């Protein structure tokens, strides 16, 4: 997110731009068609600032670095997922946490799985004993 905060007047002005879907205090959500068009124009040699200026954006308002940052991000998406990538929202999808930093061999995987099973079996035994102790305490309370 940007450190810039848009006031009400700036938000209204940005919302009038056909290339903007939504504006909040701190962010601008751009139209997917604009993203694709901007990436294609950039690939043909147009600079990010020129693209944004030609499409009605005031660089003083959105920030001088914003066009470069946006196009860098959009180019990466375009290269990875193609044109369709600009039309779909992927934030939060496919994130499975931090990947393991080392590749495990079959023997290591087996050992890790066996350790996990042993831990779960010990936990189960502990819970069974705890359950039995709770039952005994409840029976003593009744008498």
N, C-alpha and C. Protein backbone atom coordinates (compact mmCIF):
# COMPACT_ATOMS: atom_id res chain seq x y z
N UNK A 1 0.83 -1.18 0.00
CA UNK A 1 0.00 0.00 0.00
C UNK A 1 0.87 1.24 0.00
N UNK A 2 0.29 2.27 -0.48
CA UNK A 2 1.01 3.53 -0.61
C UNK A 2 0.96 4.31 0.70
N UNK A 3 1.95 5.19 0.87
CA UNK A 3 1.95 6.09 2.01
C UNK A 3 1.06 7.29 1.73
N UNK A 4 0.69 7.47 0.47
CA UNK A 4 -0.16 8.60 0.09
C UNK A 4 -1.57 8.37 0.61
N UNK A 5 -2.19 9.45 1.02
CA UNK A 5 -3.59 9.38 1.43
C UNK A 5 -4.35 10.35 0.55
N UNK A 6 -5.37 9.83 -0.13
CA UNK A 6 -6.17 10.65 -1.04
C UNK A 6 -7.29 11.32 -0.25
N UNK A 7 -7.45 12.63 -0.47
CA UNK A 7 -8.57 13.32 0.18
C UNK A 7 -9.83 13.10 -0.65
N UNK A 8 -10.95 13.60 -0.16
CA UNK A 8 -12.25 13.39 -0.81
C UNK A 8 -12.25 13.93 -2.24
N UNK A 9 -11.70 15.12 -2.44
CA UNK A 9 -11.67 15.74 -3.77
C UNK A 9 -10.85 14.89 -4.75
N UNK A 10 -9.70 14.40 -4.30
CA UNK A 10 -8.85 13.57 -5.15
C UNK A 10 -9.54 12.25 -5.49
N UNK A 11 -10.20 11.66 -4.50
CA UNK A 11 -10.91 10.39 -4.75
C UNK A 11 -12.00 10.58 -5.79
N UNK A 12 -12.77 11.66 -5.67
CA UNK A 12 -13.84 11.92 -6.65
C UNK A 12 -13.26 12.12 -8.04
N UNK A 13 -12.14 12.84 -8.14
CA UNK A 13 -11.51 13.07 -9.44
C UNK A 13 -11.02 11.75 -10.03
N UNK A 14 -10.41 10.91 -9.21
CA UNK A 14 -9.91 9.61 -9.71
C UNK A 14 -11.06 8.70 -10.12
N UNK A 15 -12.17 8.74 -9.38
CA UNK A 15 -13.32 7.89 -9.71
C UNK A 15 -13.95 8.26 -11.05
N UNK A 16 -13.77 9.50 -11.48
CA UNK A 16 -14.30 9.92 -12.78
C UNK A 16 -13.53 9.30 -13.94
N UNK A 17 -12.30 8.87 -13.70
CA UNK A 17 -11.48 8.27 -14.74
C UNK A 17 -12.04 6.89 -15.10
N UNK A 18 -12.25 6.64 -16.38
CA UNK A 18 -12.84 5.37 -16.83
C UNK A 18 -11.93 4.17 -16.58
N UNK A 19 -10.67 4.41 -16.30
CA UNK A 19 -9.71 3.33 -16.06
C UNK A 19 -9.61 2.94 -14.59
N UNK A 20 -10.43 3.55 -13.76
CA UNK A 20 -10.42 3.28 -12.32
C UNK A 20 -11.71 2.58 -11.94
N UNK A 21 -11.57 1.48 -11.20
CA UNK A 21 -12.73 0.74 -10.72
C UNK A 21 -13.16 1.26 -9.35
N UNK A 22 -12.18 1.46 -8.46
CA UNK A 22 -12.49 1.86 -7.09
C UNK A 22 -11.32 2.64 -6.51
N UNK A 23 -11.64 3.61 -5.66
CA UNK A 23 -10.60 4.40 -4.99
C UNK A 23 -10.92 4.42 -3.50
N UNK A 24 -9.91 4.14 -2.69
CA UNK A 24 -10.05 4.29 -1.24
C UNK A 24 -9.07 5.38 -0.80
N UNK A 25 -8.96 5.59 0.49
CA UNK A 25 -8.04 6.61 0.98
C UNK A 25 -6.60 6.35 0.56
N UNK A 26 -6.24 5.06 0.48
CA UNK A 26 -4.84 4.71 0.25
C UNK A 26 -4.56 3.94 -1.03
N UNK A 27 -5.58 3.54 -1.74
CA UNK A 27 -5.31 2.72 -2.92
C UNK A 27 -6.25 3.03 -4.08
N UNK A 28 -5.78 2.67 -5.26
CA UNK A 28 -6.56 2.81 -6.49
C UNK A 28 -6.66 1.43 -7.11
N UNK A 29 -7.87 1.01 -7.45
CA UNK A 29 -8.05 -0.26 -8.14
C UNK A 29 -8.34 0.07 -9.61
N UNK A 30 -7.46 -0.42 -10.47
CA UNK A 30 -7.53 -0.08 -11.88
C UNK A 30 -8.36 -1.10 -12.65
N UNK A 31 -8.96 -0.64 -13.75
CA UNK A 31 -9.76 -1.49 -14.62
C UNK A 31 -8.85 -2.53 -15.29
N UNK A 32 -9.27 -3.79 -15.34
CA UNK A 32 -8.44 -4.83 -15.96
C UNK A 32 -8.09 -4.53 -17.42
N UNK A 33 -9.02 -3.93 -18.16
CA UNK A 33 -8.74 -3.58 -19.56
C UNK A 33 -7.59 -2.58 -19.65
N UNK A 34 -7.57 -1.64 -18.72
CA UNK A 34 -6.48 -0.66 -18.68
C UNK A 34 -5.15 -1.34 -18.38
N UNK A 35 -5.16 -2.29 -17.47
CA UNK A 35 -3.93 -3.01 -17.12
C UNK A 35 -3.35 -3.71 -18.35
N UNK A 36 -4.21 -4.43 -19.07
CA UNK A 36 -3.76 -5.16 -20.27
C UNK A 36 -3.25 -4.19 -21.32
N UNK A 37 -4.02 -3.14 -21.56
CA UNK A 37 -3.63 -2.15 -22.56
C UNK A 37 -2.30 -1.48 -22.18
N UNK A 38 -2.14 -1.17 -20.90
CA UNK A 38 -0.91 -0.52 -20.43
C UNK A 38 0.30 -1.44 -20.61
N UNK A 39 0.13 -2.72 -20.31
CA UNK A 39 1.24 -3.67 -20.46
C UNK A 39 1.63 -3.78 -21.93
N UNK A 40 0.62 -3.89 -22.81
CA UNK A 40 0.90 -4.01 -24.25
C UNK A 40 1.59 -2.76 -24.78
N UNK A 41 1.12 -1.58 -24.37
CA UNK A 41 1.75 -0.33 -24.81
C UNK A 41 3.18 -0.24 -24.29
N UNK A 42 3.39 -0.69 -23.07
CA UNK A 42 4.72 -0.67 -22.48
C UNK A 42 5.66 -1.61 -23.23
N UNK A 43 5.15 -2.75 -23.66
CA UNK A 43 5.97 -3.70 -24.43
C UNK A 43 6.34 -3.12 -25.79
N UNK A 44 5.50 -2.22 -26.30
CA UNK A 44 5.78 -1.58 -27.59
C UNK A 44 6.71 -0.39 -27.44
N UNK A 45 7.11 -0.08 -26.20
CA UNK A 45 8.11 0.96 -26.00
C UNK A 45 7.65 2.22 -25.30
N UNK A 46 6.38 2.34 -24.99
CA UNK A 46 5.91 3.53 -24.28
C UNK A 46 6.31 3.44 -22.82
N UNK A 47 6.66 4.56 -22.25
CA UNK A 47 7.03 4.61 -20.84
C UNK A 47 5.81 4.59 -19.93
N UNK A 48 5.96 4.09 -18.72
CA UNK A 48 4.84 4.03 -17.77
C UNK A 48 4.20 5.40 -17.51
N UNK A 49 5.02 6.43 -17.31
CA UNK A 49 4.46 7.77 -17.04
C UNK A 49 3.64 8.27 -18.23
N UNK A 50 4.14 8.03 -19.43
CA UNK A 50 3.43 8.47 -20.64
C UNK A 50 2.08 7.76 -20.75
N UNK A 51 2.07 6.46 -20.47
CA UNK A 51 0.83 5.68 -20.53
C UNK A 51 -0.20 6.24 -19.55
N UNK A 52 0.23 6.49 -18.33
CA UNK A 52 -0.70 7.00 -17.31
C UNK A 52 -1.19 8.40 -17.66
N UNK A 53 -0.29 9.25 -18.16
CA UNK A 53 -0.69 10.61 -18.54
C UNK A 53 -1.71 10.59 -19.67
N UNK A 54 -1.47 9.75 -20.69
CA UNK A 54 -2.38 9.65 -21.84
C UNK A 54 -3.74 9.10 -21.43
N UNK A 55 -3.80 8.40 -20.32
CA UNK A 55 -5.06 7.82 -19.86
C UNK A 55 -5.71 8.64 -18.74
N UNK A 56 -5.30 9.89 -18.62
CA UNK A 56 -6.00 10.83 -17.75
C UNK A 56 -5.60 10.84 -16.29
N UNK A 57 -4.43 10.35 -15.95
CA UNK A 57 -4.00 10.36 -14.55
C UNK A 57 -3.07 11.54 -14.29
N UNK A 58 -3.25 12.16 -13.14
CA UNK A 58 -2.39 13.26 -12.70
C UNK A 58 -1.29 12.63 -11.84
N UNK A 59 -0.06 12.66 -12.35
CA UNK A 59 1.05 12.01 -11.65
C UNK A 59 1.38 12.67 -10.32
N UNK A 60 1.10 13.96 -10.20
CA UNK A 60 1.33 14.62 -8.92
C UNK A 60 0.37 14.09 -7.87
N UNK A 61 -0.83 13.73 -8.30
CA UNK A 61 -1.84 13.24 -7.37
C UNK A 61 -1.55 11.79 -6.95
N UNK A 62 -1.27 10.93 -7.93
CA UNK A 62 -1.09 9.51 -7.61
C UNK A 62 0.34 9.17 -7.20
N UNK A 63 1.27 10.05 -7.52
CA UNK A 63 2.67 9.81 -7.17
C UNK A 63 3.49 9.53 -8.41
N UNK A 64 4.67 10.08 -8.46
CA UNK A 64 5.55 9.95 -9.63
C UNK A 64 5.99 8.50 -9.85
N UNK A 65 6.13 7.74 -8.79
CA UNK A 65 6.63 6.36 -8.91
C UNK A 65 5.52 5.35 -9.17
N UNK A 66 4.28 5.72 -8.95
CA UNK A 66 3.15 4.79 -9.06
C UNK A 66 3.06 4.11 -10.43
N UNK A 67 3.20 4.84 -11.56
CA UNK A 67 3.12 4.16 -12.85
C UNK A 67 4.18 3.06 -13.01
N UNK A 68 5.41 3.34 -12.59
CA UNK A 68 6.47 2.32 -12.68
C UNK A 68 6.15 1.11 -11.81
N UNK A 69 5.69 1.36 -10.59
CA UNK A 69 5.38 0.27 -9.67
C UNK A 69 4.24 -0.59 -10.22
N UNK A 70 3.19 0.07 -10.69
CA UNK A 70 2.03 -0.66 -11.22
C UNK A 70 2.42 -1.49 -12.43
N UNK A 71 3.12 -0.88 -13.37
CA UNK A 71 3.48 -1.62 -14.59
C UNK A 71 4.44 -2.76 -14.30
N UNK A 72 5.32 -2.59 -13.36
CA UNK A 72 6.22 -3.68 -12.99
C UNK A 72 5.41 -4.88 -12.48
N UNK A 73 4.44 -4.60 -11.62
CA UNK A 73 3.58 -5.65 -11.07
C UNK A 73 2.70 -6.27 -12.16
N UNK A 74 2.12 -5.43 -13.01
CA UNK A 74 1.24 -5.92 -14.06
C UNK A 74 2.00 -6.73 -15.11
N UNK A 75 3.22 -6.32 -15.45
CA UNK A 75 4.04 -7.08 -16.41
C UNK A 75 4.33 -8.48 -15.86
N UNK A 76 4.65 -8.54 -14.59
CA UNK A 76 4.94 -9.83 -13.96
C UNK A 76 3.71 -10.74 -14.03
N UNK A 77 2.56 -10.19 -13.71
CA UNK A 77 1.30 -10.95 -13.78
C UNK A 77 1.03 -11.39 -15.21
N UNK A 78 1.22 -10.48 -16.16
CA UNK A 78 0.97 -10.75 -17.57
C UNK A 78 1.88 -11.86 -18.08
N UNK A 79 3.16 -11.83 -17.67
CA UNK A 79 4.11 -12.86 -18.10
C UNK A 79 3.79 -14.21 -17.48
N UNK A 80 3.34 -14.21 -16.24
CA UNK A 80 3.05 -15.47 -15.55
C UNK A 80 1.74 -16.09 -16.00
N UNK A 81 0.68 -15.27 -16.08
CA UNK A 81 -0.66 -15.80 -16.29
C UNK A 81 -1.31 -15.36 -17.60
N UNK A 82 -0.62 -14.54 -18.38
CA UNK A 82 -1.18 -14.07 -19.64
C UNK A 82 -2.21 -12.97 -19.39
N UNK A 83 -2.94 -12.67 -20.43
CA UNK A 83 -3.94 -11.60 -20.36
C UNK A 83 -4.99 -11.90 -19.29
N UNK A 84 -5.34 -13.17 -19.15
CA UNK A 84 -6.37 -13.58 -18.19
C UNK A 84 -5.96 -13.23 -16.76
N UNK A 85 -4.66 -13.21 -16.48
CA UNK A 85 -4.17 -12.90 -15.15
C UNK A 85 -4.55 -11.51 -14.67
N UNK A 86 -4.72 -10.59 -15.61
CA UNK A 86 -5.10 -9.23 -15.24
C UNK A 86 -6.59 -9.12 -14.90
N UNK A 87 -7.36 -10.10 -15.30
CA UNK A 87 -8.80 -10.06 -15.08
C UNK A 87 -9.24 -10.82 -13.82
N UNK A 88 -8.37 -11.66 -13.28
CA UNK A 88 -8.75 -12.45 -12.11
C UNK A 88 -7.99 -11.98 -10.88
N UNK A 89 -8.64 -12.10 -9.74
CA UNK A 89 -8.04 -11.73 -8.46
C UNK A 89 -7.44 -12.99 -7.85
N UNK A 90 -6.14 -12.96 -7.59
CA UNK A 90 -5.47 -14.16 -7.09
C UNK A 90 -4.90 -13.99 -5.69
N UNK A 91 -5.10 -12.86 -5.07
CA UNK A 91 -4.50 -12.65 -3.75
C UNK A 91 -5.03 -13.69 -2.77
N UNK A 92 -4.11 -14.31 -2.06
CA UNK A 92 -4.49 -15.29 -1.05
C UNK A 92 -4.73 -16.68 -1.57
N UNK A 93 -4.75 -16.87 -2.86
CA UNK A 93 -5.00 -18.20 -3.42
C UNK A 93 -3.69 -18.93 -3.62
N UNK A 94 -3.68 -20.19 -3.27
CA UNK A 94 -2.52 -21.03 -3.51
C UNK A 94 -1.41 -20.84 -2.50
N UNK A 95 -1.66 -20.06 -1.48
CA UNK A 95 -0.63 -19.85 -0.47
C UNK A 95 -0.72 -20.97 0.56
N UNK A 96 0.31 -21.77 0.63
CA UNK A 96 0.31 -22.89 1.57
C UNK A 96 1.31 -22.67 2.68
N UNK A 97 1.69 -21.45 2.89
CA UNK A 97 2.67 -21.16 3.92
C UNK A 97 4.08 -21.23 3.39
N UNK A 98 5.00 -21.17 4.29
CA UNK A 98 6.40 -21.18 3.89
C UNK A 98 6.79 -22.57 3.41
N UNK A 99 7.34 -22.69 2.21
CA UNK A 99 7.75 -24.01 1.72
C UNK A 99 9.00 -24.49 2.45
N UNK A 100 9.16 -25.79 2.49
CA UNK A 100 10.34 -26.37 3.12
C UNK A 100 11.58 -25.92 2.36
N UNK A 101 12.62 -25.57 3.11
CA UNK A 101 13.83 -25.06 2.46
C UNK A 101 14.70 -26.19 1.91
N UNK A 102 14.40 -27.42 2.29
CA UNK A 102 15.21 -28.53 1.79
C UNK A 102 14.30 -29.63 1.24
N UNK A 103 14.80 -30.32 0.25
CA UNK A 103 14.06 -31.43 -0.33
C UNK A 103 14.37 -32.68 0.50
N UNK A 104 13.33 -33.41 0.83
CA UNK A 104 13.51 -34.61 1.64
C UNK A 104 13.55 -35.85 0.76
N UNK A 105 14.42 -36.78 1.12
CA UNK A 105 14.47 -38.05 0.40
C UNK A 105 13.32 -38.91 0.90
N UNK A 106 13.08 -40.02 0.23
CA UNK A 106 12.00 -40.93 0.63
C UNK A 106 12.22 -41.44 2.05
N UNK A 107 13.47 -41.76 2.38
CA UNK A 107 13.77 -42.26 3.72
C UNK A 107 13.49 -41.19 4.78
N UNK A 108 13.85 -39.94 4.47
CA UNK A 108 13.60 -38.85 5.41
C UNK A 108 12.10 -38.61 5.58
N UNK A 109 11.36 -38.67 4.47
CA UNK A 109 9.91 -38.51 4.54
C UNK A 109 9.29 -39.60 5.39
N UNK A 110 9.75 -40.85 5.20
CA UNK A 110 9.24 -41.97 5.97
C UNK A 110 9.54 -41.78 7.46
N UNK A 111 10.75 -41.37 7.77
CA UNK A 111 11.15 -41.15 9.16
C UNK A 111 10.29 -40.05 9.80
N UNK A 112 10.08 -38.97 9.06
CA UNK A 112 9.28 -37.85 9.56
C UNK A 112 7.83 -38.30 9.79
N UNK A 113 7.30 -39.09 8.88
CA UNK A 113 5.93 -39.60 9.02
C UNK A 113 5.81 -40.53 10.22
N UNK A 114 6.81 -41.40 10.41
CA UNK A 114 6.79 -42.32 11.55
C UNK A 114 6.86 -41.54 12.87
N UNK A 115 7.68 -40.49 12.91
CA UNK A 115 7.76 -39.66 14.11
C UNK A 115 6.42 -38.98 14.39
N UNK A 116 5.78 -38.53 13.33
CA UNK A 116 4.48 -37.88 13.48
C UNK A 116 3.44 -38.87 14.02
N UNK A 117 3.47 -40.10 13.50
CA UNK A 117 2.53 -41.14 13.96
C UNK A 117 2.79 -41.45 15.43
N UNK A 118 4.05 -41.59 15.80
CA UNK A 118 4.40 -41.88 17.20
C UNK A 118 3.91 -40.76 18.12
N UNK A 119 4.08 -39.53 17.70
CA UNK A 119 3.61 -38.40 18.50
C UNK A 119 2.09 -38.44 18.66
N UNK A 120 1.38 -38.70 17.57
CA UNK A 120 -0.08 -38.74 17.63
C UNK A 120 -0.58 -39.90 18.49
N UNK A 121 0.11 -41.05 18.43
CA UNK A 121 -0.27 -42.19 19.27
C UNK A 121 -0.06 -41.85 20.75
N UNK A 122 1.06 -41.19 21.06
CA UNK A 122 1.32 -40.79 22.45
C UNK A 122 0.27 -39.79 22.93
N UNK A 123 -0.10 -38.87 22.06
CA UNK A 123 -1.12 -37.89 22.41
C UNK A 123 -2.46 -38.59 22.67
N UNK A 124 -2.79 -39.58 21.86
CA UNK A 124 -4.04 -40.32 22.04
C UNK A 124 -4.04 -41.06 23.38
N UNK A 125 -2.93 -41.71 23.72
CA UNK A 125 -2.83 -42.41 25.01
C UNK A 125 -3.00 -41.43 26.17
N UNK A 126 -2.36 -40.28 26.05
CA UNK A 126 -2.48 -39.26 27.09
C UNK A 126 -3.93 -38.83 27.27
N UNK A 127 -4.62 -38.59 26.16
CA UNK A 127 -6.01 -38.16 26.22
C UNK A 127 -6.92 -39.24 26.80
N UNK A 128 -6.62 -40.50 26.50
CA UNK A 128 -7.40 -41.61 27.07
C UNK A 128 -7.23 -41.64 28.58
N UNK A 129 -5.98 -41.49 29.06
CA UNK A 129 -5.72 -41.49 30.51
C UNK A 129 -6.39 -40.30 31.18
N UNK A 130 -6.33 -39.15 30.54
CA UNK A 130 -6.96 -37.96 31.08
C UNK A 130 -8.47 -38.16 31.19
N UNK A 131 -9.06 -38.74 30.16
CA UNK A 131 -10.49 -39.01 30.15
C UNK A 131 -10.86 -39.96 31.29
N UNK A 132 -10.05 -41.00 31.49
CA UNK A 132 -10.30 -41.96 32.57
C UNK A 132 -10.20 -41.28 33.93
N UNK A 133 -9.19 -40.44 34.12
CA UNK A 133 -9.04 -39.72 35.39
C UNK A 133 -10.22 -38.79 35.65
N UNK A 134 -10.70 -38.13 34.61
CA UNK A 134 -11.87 -37.25 34.76
C UNK A 134 -13.10 -38.05 35.14
N UNK A 135 -13.27 -39.22 34.54
CA UNK A 135 -14.41 -40.09 34.88
C UNK A 135 -14.34 -40.53 36.34
N UNK A 136 -13.14 -40.93 36.78
CA UNK A 136 -12.97 -41.37 38.16
C UNK A 136 -13.25 -40.23 39.13
N UNK A 137 -12.77 -39.03 38.81
CA UNK A 137 -13.00 -37.88 39.68
C UNK A 137 -14.49 -37.55 39.75
N UNK A 138 -15.19 -37.69 38.65
CA UNK A 138 -16.62 -37.42 38.61
C UNK A 138 -17.38 -38.44 39.45
N UNK A 139 -16.97 -39.72 39.40
CA UNK A 139 -17.62 -40.77 40.19
C UNK A 139 -17.39 -40.54 41.68
N UNK A 140 -16.17 -40.12 42.06
CA UNK A 140 -15.88 -39.85 43.48
C UNK A 140 -16.72 -38.69 43.99
N UNK A 141 -16.97 -37.72 43.13
CA UNK A 141 -17.77 -36.57 43.51
C UNK A 141 -19.20 -36.97 43.80
N UNK A 142 -19.72 -37.92 43.04
CA UNK A 142 -21.12 -38.35 43.18
C UNK A 142 -21.33 -39.08 44.51
N UNK A 143 -20.33 -39.82 44.99
CA UNK A 143 -20.51 -40.62 46.21
C UNK A 143 -20.05 -39.92 47.39
